[in-house]
């Protein structure tokens, strides 16, 4: 099994909010170019997201189905990959101080992918998970930070500078 973890510097609730938004699946899942909820209320068990993978001029459409959901802490998915079969993916969220430890666990479940599963496939899944968790971290950390969340709970919001900019400019162009 390919298991990878990442500490994301926001609360588990912030991470869950991104995972539970079926319209954002393609933003954090590597290889997915587009996605949309197609059945049920994501992330309820049995709900599904249709996704598209583009490789050059070719497009592959399939779906991911929720097989297990413990709201706020774990999402169990079955991703269909056409002739390759299906994969079981578990995304677990654990509180880690003010942050969230995210553990992604994936392995082929059915079909050709399960029969051909080997150390080389494991290595590819590890690389994919590293990128997927980095994307998820960027999305979640852009949503909020522990300091921002705690000030929002207190009824105040701390202003933040736009990323990558040293000074915030007004519409007139003056700093």
N, C-alpha and C. Protein backbone atom coordinates (compact mmCIF):
# COMPACT_ATOMS: atom_id res chain seq x y z
N UNK A 1 0.83 -1.19 0.00
CA UNK A 1 0.00 0.00 0.00
C UNK A 1 0.87 1.24 0.00
N UNK A 2 0.48 2.22 -0.74
CA UNK A 2 1.18 3.50 -0.79
C UNK A 2 0.56 4.42 0.25
N UNK A 3 1.29 4.67 1.31
CA UNK A 3 0.81 5.56 2.37
C UNK A 3 1.75 6.75 2.45
N UNK A 4 1.19 7.92 2.47
CA UNK A 4 1.99 9.15 2.55
C UNK A 4 1.25 10.11 3.47
N UNK A 5 1.99 10.94 4.17
CA UNK A 5 1.36 11.93 5.06
C UNK A 5 1.95 13.31 4.84
N UNK A 6 1.20 14.31 5.30
CA UNK A 6 1.68 15.68 5.22
C UNK A 6 1.00 16.49 6.32
N UNK A 7 1.78 17.32 6.96
CA UNK A 7 1.24 18.26 7.94
C UNK A 7 0.79 19.50 7.20
N UNK A 8 -0.50 19.81 7.31
CA UNK A 8 -1.05 21.01 6.68
C UNK A 8 -1.34 22.00 7.78
N UNK A 9 -0.85 23.21 7.64
CA UNK A 9 -0.87 24.18 8.73
C UNK A 9 -2.17 24.97 8.81
N UNK A 10 -3.25 24.21 8.90
CA UNK A 10 -4.59 24.75 9.17
C UNK A 10 -5.31 23.71 10.01
N UNK A 11 -6.49 24.04 10.47
CA UNK A 11 -7.27 23.10 11.28
C UNK A 11 -7.78 21.94 10.42
N UNK A 12 -8.06 20.79 11.05
CA UNK A 12 -8.68 19.70 10.30
C UNK A 12 -10.01 20.12 9.64
N UNK A 13 -10.75 21.02 10.26
CA UNK A 13 -12.02 21.47 9.68
C UNK A 13 -11.80 22.19 8.35
N UNK A 14 -10.74 22.99 8.27
CA UNK A 14 -10.44 23.69 7.01
C UNK A 14 -10.11 22.68 5.91
N UNK A 15 -9.34 21.65 6.25
CA UNK A 15 -9.00 20.62 5.26
C UNK A 15 -10.27 19.86 4.86
N UNK A 16 -11.09 19.52 5.85
CA UNK A 16 -12.33 18.80 5.55
C UNK A 16 -13.24 19.62 4.63
N UNK A 17 -13.30 20.91 4.86
CA UNK A 17 -14.15 21.76 4.02
C UNK A 17 -13.75 21.67 2.55
N UNK A 18 -12.45 21.57 2.27
CA UNK A 18 -11.99 21.43 0.89
C UNK A 18 -12.34 20.04 0.35
N UNK A 19 -12.07 18.99 1.15
CA UNK A 19 -12.38 17.62 0.71
C UNK A 19 -13.87 17.43 0.48
N UNK A 20 -14.68 18.07 1.30
CA UNK A 20 -16.14 17.89 1.23
C UNK A 20 -16.80 18.73 0.14
N UNK A 21 -16.02 19.53 -0.56
CA UNK A 21 -16.56 20.33 -1.66
C UNK A 21 -16.29 19.59 -2.96
N UNK A 22 -17.31 18.90 -3.45
CA UNK A 22 -17.16 18.07 -4.64
C UNK A 22 -16.76 18.83 -5.89
N UNK A 23 -16.97 20.13 -5.90
CA UNK A 23 -16.60 20.92 -7.07
C UNK A 23 -15.10 21.21 -7.11
N UNK A 24 -14.37 20.93 -6.01
CA UNK A 24 -12.93 21.25 -5.93
C UNK A 24 -12.02 20.04 -6.12
N UNK A 25 -12.60 18.88 -6.37
CA UNK A 25 -11.85 17.63 -6.51
C UNK A 25 -10.69 17.76 -7.49
N UNK A 26 -10.92 18.34 -8.66
CA UNK A 26 -9.88 18.46 -9.68
C UNK A 26 -8.77 19.42 -9.26
N UNK A 27 -9.02 20.26 -8.26
CA UNK A 27 -8.00 21.20 -7.81
C UNK A 27 -6.89 20.51 -7.02
N UNK A 28 -7.19 19.40 -6.37
CA UNK A 28 -6.17 18.75 -5.55
C UNK A 28 -5.81 17.34 -6.00
N UNK A 29 -6.63 16.69 -6.81
CA UNK A 29 -6.33 15.33 -7.25
C UNK A 29 -5.46 15.38 -8.51
N UNK A 30 -4.28 14.81 -8.43
CA UNK A 30 -3.31 14.83 -9.52
C UNK A 30 -3.83 14.04 -10.72
N UNK A 31 -3.68 14.64 -11.89
CA UNK A 31 -4.08 13.99 -13.13
C UNK A 31 -5.49 14.33 -13.57
N UNK A 32 -6.27 14.89 -12.67
CA UNK A 32 -7.66 15.23 -12.98
C UNK A 32 -7.71 16.65 -13.53
N UNK A 33 -8.29 16.79 -14.73
CA UNK A 33 -8.34 18.12 -15.34
C UNK A 33 -9.68 18.80 -15.12
N UNK A 34 -10.72 18.03 -14.85
CA UNK A 34 -12.05 18.59 -14.61
C UNK A 34 -12.84 17.60 -13.77
N UNK A 35 -13.78 18.10 -12.98
CA UNK A 35 -14.61 17.22 -12.17
C UNK A 35 -15.92 17.91 -11.83
N UNK A 36 -16.95 17.10 -11.57
CA UNK A 36 -18.23 17.64 -11.12
C UNK A 36 -19.01 16.55 -10.41
N UNK A 37 -19.70 16.91 -9.33
CA UNK A 37 -20.56 15.93 -8.66
C UNK A 37 -21.66 15.48 -9.62
N UNK A 38 -21.93 14.17 -9.65
CA UNK A 38 -22.94 13.64 -10.57
C UNK A 38 -24.03 12.82 -9.90
N UNK A 39 -23.78 12.40 -8.66
CA UNK A 39 -24.77 11.56 -8.00
C UNK A 39 -24.67 11.77 -6.49
N UNK A 40 -25.82 11.97 -5.86
CA UNK A 40 -25.85 12.10 -4.41
C UNK A 40 -25.29 13.43 -3.92
N UNK A 41 -25.19 13.53 -2.62
CA UNK A 41 -24.68 14.74 -1.97
C UNK A 41 -23.28 14.46 -1.44
N UNK A 42 -22.26 14.90 -2.19
CA UNK A 42 -20.87 14.68 -1.81
C UNK A 42 -20.60 15.28 -0.46
N UNK A 43 -19.96 14.61 0.46
CA UNK A 43 -19.30 13.32 0.42
C UNK A 43 -20.08 12.19 1.11
N UNK A 44 -21.39 12.15 0.97
CA UNK A 44 -22.16 11.06 1.55
C UNK A 44 -21.83 9.75 0.85
N UNK A 45 -21.91 8.64 1.59
CA UNK A 45 -21.63 7.33 1.03
C UNK A 45 -22.54 7.09 -0.18
N UNK A 46 -21.94 6.66 -1.28
CA UNK A 46 -22.66 6.40 -2.52
C UNK A 46 -22.66 7.57 -3.49
N UNK A 47 -22.33 8.76 -3.02
CA UNK A 47 -22.27 9.91 -3.93
C UNK A 47 -21.05 9.75 -4.85
N UNK A 48 -21.09 10.44 -5.99
CA UNK A 48 -20.02 10.27 -6.96
C UNK A 48 -19.67 11.58 -7.65
N UNK A 49 -18.43 11.63 -8.09
CA UNK A 49 -17.91 12.75 -8.87
C UNK A 49 -17.43 12.18 -10.20
N UNK A 50 -17.84 12.79 -11.28
CA UNK A 50 -17.30 12.44 -12.59
C UNK A 50 -16.04 13.27 -12.78
N UNK A 51 -15.00 12.66 -13.33
CA UNK A 51 -13.76 13.40 -13.57
C UNK A 51 -13.24 13.08 -14.95
N UNK A 52 -12.36 13.96 -15.40
CA UNK A 52 -11.75 13.80 -16.71
C UNK A 52 -10.24 13.90 -16.58
N UNK A 53 -9.57 13.02 -17.28
CA UNK A 53 -8.11 13.05 -17.35
C UNK A 53 -7.76 13.32 -18.81
N UNK A 54 -6.88 14.27 -19.03
CA UNK A 54 -6.44 14.61 -20.39
C UNK A 54 -4.97 14.26 -20.54
N UNK A 55 -4.69 13.53 -21.60
CA UNK A 55 -3.31 13.21 -21.95
C UNK A 55 -3.17 13.55 -23.43
N UNK A 56 -2.56 14.71 -23.70
CA UNK A 56 -2.47 15.18 -25.08
C UNK A 56 -3.88 15.35 -25.64
N UNK A 57 -4.14 14.79 -26.81
CA UNK A 57 -5.46 14.94 -27.41
C UNK A 57 -6.50 13.96 -26.84
N UNK A 58 -6.06 13.00 -26.01
CA UNK A 58 -6.98 12.00 -25.48
C UNK A 58 -7.59 12.43 -24.17
N UNK A 59 -8.84 12.02 -23.99
CA UNK A 59 -9.56 12.31 -22.75
C UNK A 59 -10.17 11.03 -22.22
N UNK A 60 -10.04 10.83 -20.94
CA UNK A 60 -10.62 9.68 -20.26
C UNK A 60 -11.56 10.20 -19.20
N UNK A 61 -12.80 9.78 -19.27
CA UNK A 61 -13.79 10.18 -18.27
C UNK A 61 -14.14 8.98 -17.41
N UNK A 62 -14.24 9.21 -16.12
CA UNK A 62 -14.62 8.16 -15.19
C UNK A 62 -15.24 8.80 -13.96
N UNK A 63 -15.35 8.03 -12.88
CA UNK A 63 -15.92 8.60 -11.67
C UNK A 63 -15.26 8.04 -10.42
N UNK A 64 -15.40 8.80 -9.36
CA UNK A 64 -14.95 8.40 -8.03
C UNK A 64 -16.19 8.36 -7.14
N UNK A 65 -16.32 7.27 -6.39
CA UNK A 65 -17.49 7.05 -5.54
C UNK A 65 -17.05 7.05 -4.08
N UNK A 66 -17.84 7.69 -3.21
CA UNK A 66 -17.56 7.67 -1.78
C UNK A 66 -18.03 6.33 -1.23
N UNK A 67 -17.10 5.59 -0.61
CA UNK A 67 -17.43 4.29 -0.02
C UNK A 67 -17.50 4.36 1.50
N UNK A 68 -16.86 5.37 2.09
CA UNK A 68 -16.84 5.53 3.54
C UNK A 68 -16.67 7.01 3.85
N UNK A 69 -17.40 7.49 4.83
CA UNK A 69 -17.24 8.88 5.24
C UNK A 69 -17.48 9.01 6.74
N UNK A 70 -16.45 9.43 7.44
CA UNK A 70 -16.56 9.80 8.85
C UNK A 70 -16.34 11.30 8.85
N UNK A 71 -17.44 12.04 8.81
CA UNK A 71 -17.39 13.50 8.61
C UNK A 71 -16.35 14.17 9.49
N UNK A 72 -15.49 14.93 8.83
CA UNK A 72 -14.47 15.69 9.53
C UNK A 72 -13.18 14.94 9.77
N UNK A 73 -13.17 13.59 9.55
CA UNK A 73 -11.93 12.88 9.86
C UNK A 73 -11.47 11.86 8.83
N UNK A 74 -12.36 11.27 8.04
CA UNK A 74 -11.89 10.30 7.05
C UNK A 74 -12.85 10.19 5.87
N UNK A 75 -12.24 10.10 4.69
CA UNK A 75 -12.99 9.95 3.46
C UNK A 75 -12.42 8.76 2.70
N UNK A 76 -13.27 7.76 2.45
CA UNK A 76 -12.86 6.56 1.73
C UNK A 76 -13.46 6.59 0.33
N UNK A 77 -12.61 6.55 -0.68
CA UNK A 77 -13.06 6.68 -2.07
C UNK A 77 -12.67 5.46 -2.89
N UNK A 78 -13.48 5.19 -3.93
CA UNK A 78 -13.12 4.20 -4.93
C UNK A 78 -13.08 4.92 -6.26
N UNK A 79 -11.87 5.01 -6.82
CA UNK A 79 -11.68 5.70 -8.10
C UNK A 79 -11.66 4.67 -9.21
N UNK A 80 -12.48 4.91 -10.20
CA UNK A 80 -12.53 4.02 -11.36
C UNK A 80 -11.59 4.55 -12.43
N UNK A 81 -10.84 3.63 -13.04
CA UNK A 81 -9.86 4.03 -14.06
C UNK A 81 -10.01 3.16 -15.31
N UNK A 82 -11.22 2.98 -15.75
CA UNK A 82 -11.49 2.25 -16.98
C UNK A 82 -10.88 0.86 -16.98
N UNK A 83 -10.12 0.52 -18.02
CA UNK A 83 -9.54 -0.82 -18.16
C UNK A 83 -8.53 -1.15 -17.06
N UNK A 84 -7.99 -0.13 -16.40
CA UNK A 84 -7.05 -0.38 -15.31
C UNK A 84 -7.72 -0.89 -14.05
N UNK A 85 -9.03 -0.69 -13.94
CA UNK A 85 -9.75 -1.17 -12.77
C UNK A 85 -10.07 -0.04 -11.81
N UNK A 86 -10.05 -0.36 -10.52
CA UNK A 86 -10.37 0.63 -9.50
C UNK A 86 -9.27 0.69 -8.45
N UNK A 87 -9.25 1.80 -7.72
CA UNK A 87 -8.31 1.97 -6.61
C UNK A 87 -9.09 2.41 -5.38
N UNK A 88 -8.63 1.93 -4.22
CA UNK A 88 -9.18 2.37 -2.94
C UNK A 88 -8.28 3.48 -2.42
N UNK A 89 -8.90 4.60 -2.07
CA UNK A 89 -8.15 5.74 -1.56
C UNK A 89 -8.78 6.17 -0.24
N UNK A 90 -7.96 6.27 0.77
CA UNK A 90 -8.42 6.75 2.07
C UNK A 90 -7.66 8.02 2.41
N UNK A 91 -8.39 9.06 2.77
CA UNK A 91 -7.77 10.31 3.21
C UNK A 91 -8.21 10.52 4.65
N UNK A 92 -7.26 10.43 5.56
CA UNK A 92 -7.55 10.55 6.99
C UNK A 92 -7.01 11.87 7.51
N UNK A 93 -7.78 12.54 8.34
CA UNK A 93 -7.37 13.80 8.95
C UNK A 93 -7.22 13.59 10.45
N UNK A 94 -6.07 14.00 10.98
CA UNK A 94 -5.83 13.91 12.42
C UNK A 94 -5.42 15.28 12.94
N UNK A 95 -6.03 15.71 14.04
CA UNK A 95 -5.57 16.96 14.65
C UNK A 95 -4.11 16.78 15.09
N UNK A 96 -3.30 17.79 14.85
CA UNK A 96 -1.89 17.77 15.26
C UNK A 96 -1.59 19.14 15.82
N UNK A 97 -1.86 19.32 17.11
CA UNK A 97 -1.80 20.65 17.70
C UNK A 97 -2.85 21.49 17.00
N UNK A 98 -2.48 22.69 16.54
CA UNK A 98 -3.46 23.53 15.84
C UNK A 98 -3.60 23.16 14.36
N UNK A 99 -2.81 22.17 13.91
CA UNK A 99 -2.75 21.82 12.50
C UNK A 99 -3.46 20.51 12.20
N UNK A 100 -3.29 20.06 10.96
CA UNK A 100 -3.94 18.83 10.51
C UNK A 100 -2.91 17.91 9.86
N UNK A 101 -2.80 16.70 10.37
CA UNK A 101 -1.97 15.68 9.75
C UNK A 101 -2.88 14.92 8.78
N UNK A 102 -2.53 14.95 7.49
CA UNK A 102 -3.32 14.27 6.47
C UNK A 102 -2.57 13.02 6.04
N UNK A 103 -3.25 11.88 6.08
CA UNK A 103 -2.66 10.61 5.69
C UNK A 103 -3.43 10.07 4.49
N UNK A 104 -2.73 9.91 3.38
CA UNK A 104 -3.34 9.36 2.16
C UNK A 104 -2.83 7.93 1.99
N UNK A 105 -3.76 7.03 1.77
CA UNK A 105 -3.46 5.60 1.64
C UNK A 105 -4.20 5.10 0.39
N UNK A 106 -3.46 4.56 -0.56
CA UNK A 106 -4.08 4.12 -1.82
C UNK A 106 -3.49 2.81 -2.27
N UNK A 107 -4.35 1.96 -2.81
CA UNK A 107 -3.86 0.76 -3.50
C UNK A 107 -4.91 0.29 -4.49
N UNK A 108 -4.44 -0.41 -5.54
CA UNK A 108 -5.38 -0.95 -6.53
C UNK A 108 -6.34 -1.93 -5.85
N UNK A 109 -7.56 -1.91 -6.28
CA UNK A 109 -8.59 -2.73 -5.65
C UNK A 109 -9.09 -3.84 -6.57
N UNK A 110 -9.42 -3.48 -7.80
CA UNK A 110 -9.96 -4.45 -8.75
C UNK A 110 -9.34 -4.23 -10.12
N UNK A 111 -9.41 -5.24 -10.96
CA UNK A 111 -8.99 -5.11 -12.35
C UNK A 111 -7.50 -5.29 -12.57
N UNK A 112 -7.06 -4.87 -13.74
CA UNK A 112 -5.67 -5.03 -14.18
C UNK A 112 -4.71 -4.36 -13.20
N UNK A 113 -5.06 -3.18 -12.69
CA UNK A 113 -4.19 -2.48 -11.75
C UNK A 113 -3.86 -3.32 -10.53
N UNK A 114 -4.84 -4.06 -10.02
CA UNK A 114 -4.62 -4.93 -8.87
C UNK A 114 -3.74 -6.12 -9.20
N UNK A 115 -3.91 -6.66 -10.41
CA UNK A 115 -3.13 -7.83 -10.82
C UNK A 115 -1.68 -7.48 -11.13
N UNK A 116 -1.44 -6.28 -11.64
CA UNK A 116 -0.09 -5.86 -12.00
C UNK A 116 0.60 -5.03 -10.92
N UNK A 117 -0.02 -4.91 -9.78
CA UNK A 117 0.50 -4.09 -8.69
C UNK A 117 1.86 -4.62 -8.24
N UNK A 118 2.85 -3.71 -8.19
CA UNK A 118 4.20 -4.11 -7.78
C UNK A 118 4.92 -2.91 -7.16
N UNK A 119 6.19 -3.08 -6.84
CA UNK A 119 6.98 -2.03 -6.20
C UNK A 119 7.08 -0.79 -7.10
N UNK A 120 7.18 -0.98 -8.40
CA UNK A 120 7.25 0.15 -9.33
C UNK A 120 5.98 0.98 -9.30
N UNK A 121 4.84 0.32 -9.25
CA UNK A 121 3.55 1.02 -9.16
C UNK A 121 3.48 1.78 -7.84
N UNK A 122 3.95 1.15 -6.77
CA UNK A 122 3.97 1.81 -5.46
C UNK A 122 4.78 3.11 -5.51
N UNK A 123 5.91 3.07 -6.18
CA UNK A 123 6.77 4.26 -6.29
C UNK A 123 6.03 5.38 -7.04
N UNK A 124 5.34 5.03 -8.11
CA UNK A 124 4.58 6.04 -8.86
C UNK A 124 3.46 6.64 -8.01
N UNK A 125 2.79 5.79 -7.24
CA UNK A 125 1.71 6.29 -6.37
C UNK A 125 2.29 7.23 -5.32
N UNK A 126 3.48 6.92 -4.80
CA UNK A 126 4.12 7.80 -3.81
C UNK A 126 4.40 9.18 -4.39
N UNK A 127 4.91 9.22 -5.62
CA UNK A 127 5.18 10.50 -6.28
C UNK A 127 3.87 11.26 -6.49
N UNK A 128 2.85 10.56 -6.93
CA UNK A 128 1.54 11.18 -7.15
C UNK A 128 0.99 11.74 -5.84
N UNK A 129 1.10 10.98 -4.76
CA UNK A 129 0.60 11.45 -3.46
C UNK A 129 1.36 12.66 -2.94
N UNK A 130 2.66 12.69 -3.17
CA UNK A 130 3.44 13.84 -2.74
C UNK A 130 2.89 15.11 -3.39
N UNK A 131 2.63 15.03 -4.69
CA UNK A 131 2.10 16.17 -5.42
C UNK A 131 0.66 16.48 -4.99
N UNK A 132 -0.15 15.45 -4.83
CA UNK A 132 -1.54 15.64 -4.42
C UNK A 132 -1.63 16.32 -3.05
N UNK A 133 -0.83 15.87 -2.10
CA UNK A 133 -0.86 16.46 -0.76
C UNK A 133 -0.31 17.88 -0.76
N UNK A 134 0.66 18.16 -1.63
CA UNK A 134 1.17 19.53 -1.76
C UNK A 134 0.08 20.44 -2.30
N UNK A 135 -0.67 19.97 -3.30
CA UNK A 135 -1.78 20.76 -3.84
C UNK A 135 -2.85 21.01 -2.78
N UNK A 136 -3.19 19.95 -2.04
CA UNK A 136 -4.19 20.08 -0.99
C UNK A 136 -3.73 21.08 0.06
N UNK A 137 -2.46 21.02 0.43
CA UNK A 137 -1.91 21.96 1.42
C UNK A 137 -2.01 23.40 0.92
N UNK A 138 -1.64 23.64 -0.34
CA UNK A 138 -1.72 25.00 -0.88
C UNK A 138 -3.16 25.52 -0.85
N UNK A 139 -4.10 24.69 -1.26
CA UNK A 139 -5.51 25.11 -1.24
C UNK A 139 -5.98 25.44 0.17
N UNK A 140 -5.70 24.53 1.09
CA UNK A 140 -6.18 24.70 2.46
C UNK A 140 -5.50 25.87 3.16
N UNK A 141 -4.20 26.01 2.96
CA UNK A 141 -3.48 27.10 3.62
C UNK A 141 -3.87 28.44 3.03
N UNK A 142 -4.32 28.46 1.77
CA UNK A 142 -4.85 29.70 1.19
C UNK A 142 -6.21 30.04 1.79
N UNK A 143 -6.95 29.01 2.23
CA UNK A 143 -8.28 29.21 2.84
C UNK A 143 -8.16 29.85 4.22
N UNK A 144 -7.14 29.48 4.95
CA UNK A 144 -7.01 30.03 6.30
C UNK A 144 -5.82 29.44 7.03
N UNK A 145 -5.47 30.06 8.11
CA UNK A 145 -4.38 29.59 8.96
C UNK A 145 -4.91 29.51 10.38
N UNK A 146 -4.20 28.81 11.29
CA UNK A 146 -4.69 28.73 12.67
C UNK A 146 -4.90 30.11 13.30
N UNK A 147 -3.99 31.06 13.00
CA UNK A 147 -4.14 32.39 13.57
C UNK A 147 -5.39 33.08 13.01
N UNK A 148 -5.61 32.96 11.71
CA UNK A 148 -6.77 33.59 11.09
C UNK A 148 -8.04 32.97 11.62
N UNK A 149 -8.06 31.62 11.73
CA UNK A 149 -9.25 30.94 12.22
C UNK A 149 -9.57 31.34 13.64
N UNK A 150 -8.54 31.46 14.51
CA UNK A 150 -8.81 31.82 15.89
C UNK A 150 -9.30 33.26 16.00
N UNK A 151 -8.81 34.16 15.16
CA UNK A 151 -9.29 35.54 15.22
C UNK A 151 -10.70 35.64 14.63
N UNK A 152 -11.01 34.80 13.63
CA UNK A 152 -12.37 34.81 13.08
C UNK A 152 -13.36 34.32 14.12
N UNK A 153 -12.96 33.29 14.90
CA UNK A 153 -13.84 32.78 15.95
C UNK A 153 -14.09 33.85 17.00
N UNK A 154 -13.10 34.70 17.25
CA UNK A 154 -13.24 35.75 18.24
C UNK A 154 -14.01 36.95 17.68
N UNK A 155 -14.34 36.91 16.40
CA UNK A 155 -15.12 37.99 15.80
C UNK A 155 -14.29 39.05 15.10
N UNK A 156 -12.98 38.83 15.01
CA UNK A 156 -12.13 39.78 14.30
C UNK A 156 -11.31 39.02 13.28
N UNK A 157 -10.93 39.69 12.24
CA UNK A 157 -10.10 39.06 11.22
C UNK A 157 -8.85 39.87 11.03
N UNK A 158 -7.72 39.18 11.10
CA UNK A 158 -6.44 39.83 10.91
C UNK A 158 -6.19 40.02 9.43
N UNK A 159 -5.87 41.24 8.99
CA UNK A 159 -5.61 41.45 7.56
C UNK A 159 -4.36 40.70 7.13
N UNK A 160 -4.38 40.19 5.89
CA UNK A 160 -3.23 39.47 5.37
C UNK A 160 -2.78 40.12 4.08
N UNK A 161 -1.44 40.08 3.86
CA UNK A 161 -0.88 40.59 2.61
C UNK A 161 -1.11 39.55 1.53
N UNK A 162 -1.34 39.99 0.30
CA UNK A 162 -1.42 39.02 -0.80
C UNK A 162 -0.09 38.29 -0.93
N UNK A 163 -0.15 37.00 -1.24
CA UNK A 163 1.08 36.20 -1.37
C UNK A 163 1.92 36.71 -2.52
N UNK A 164 3.24 36.71 -2.28
CA UNK A 164 4.17 37.07 -3.34
C UNK A 164 4.28 38.57 -3.59
N UNK A 165 3.65 39.38 -2.75
CA UNK A 165 3.71 40.83 -2.94
C UNK A 165 4.27 41.45 -1.67
N UNK A 166 5.14 42.40 -1.83
CA UNK A 166 5.74 43.04 -0.67
C UNK A 166 4.88 44.17 -0.13
N UNK A 167 4.07 44.75 -0.97
CA UNK A 167 3.20 45.86 -0.53
C UNK A 167 1.87 45.77 -1.25
N UNK A 168 0.83 46.10 -0.56
CA UNK A 168 -0.52 46.09 -1.13
C UNK A 168 -0.78 47.47 -1.75
N UNK A 169 -1.17 47.49 -3.00
CA UNK A 169 -1.42 48.76 -3.68
C UNK A 169 -2.91 49.02 -3.80
N UNK A 170 -3.27 50.26 -3.74
CA UNK A 170 -4.66 50.64 -3.91
C UNK A 170 -4.98 50.76 -5.38
N UNK A 171 -6.23 51.01 -5.72
CA UNK A 171 -6.65 51.12 -7.12
C UNK A 171 -5.90 52.24 -7.84
N UNK A 172 -5.51 53.26 -7.11
CA UNK A 172 -4.79 54.38 -7.72
C UNK A 172 -3.31 54.10 -7.95
N UNK A 173 -2.82 52.92 -7.49
CA UNK A 173 -1.45 52.54 -7.74
C UNK A 173 -0.49 53.04 -6.69
N UNK A 174 -0.97 53.62 -5.61
CA UNK A 174 -0.09 54.11 -4.55
C UNK A 174 -0.06 53.11 -3.41
N UNK A 175 1.12 52.89 -2.83
CA UNK A 175 1.27 51.92 -1.75
C UNK A 175 0.89 52.49 -0.52
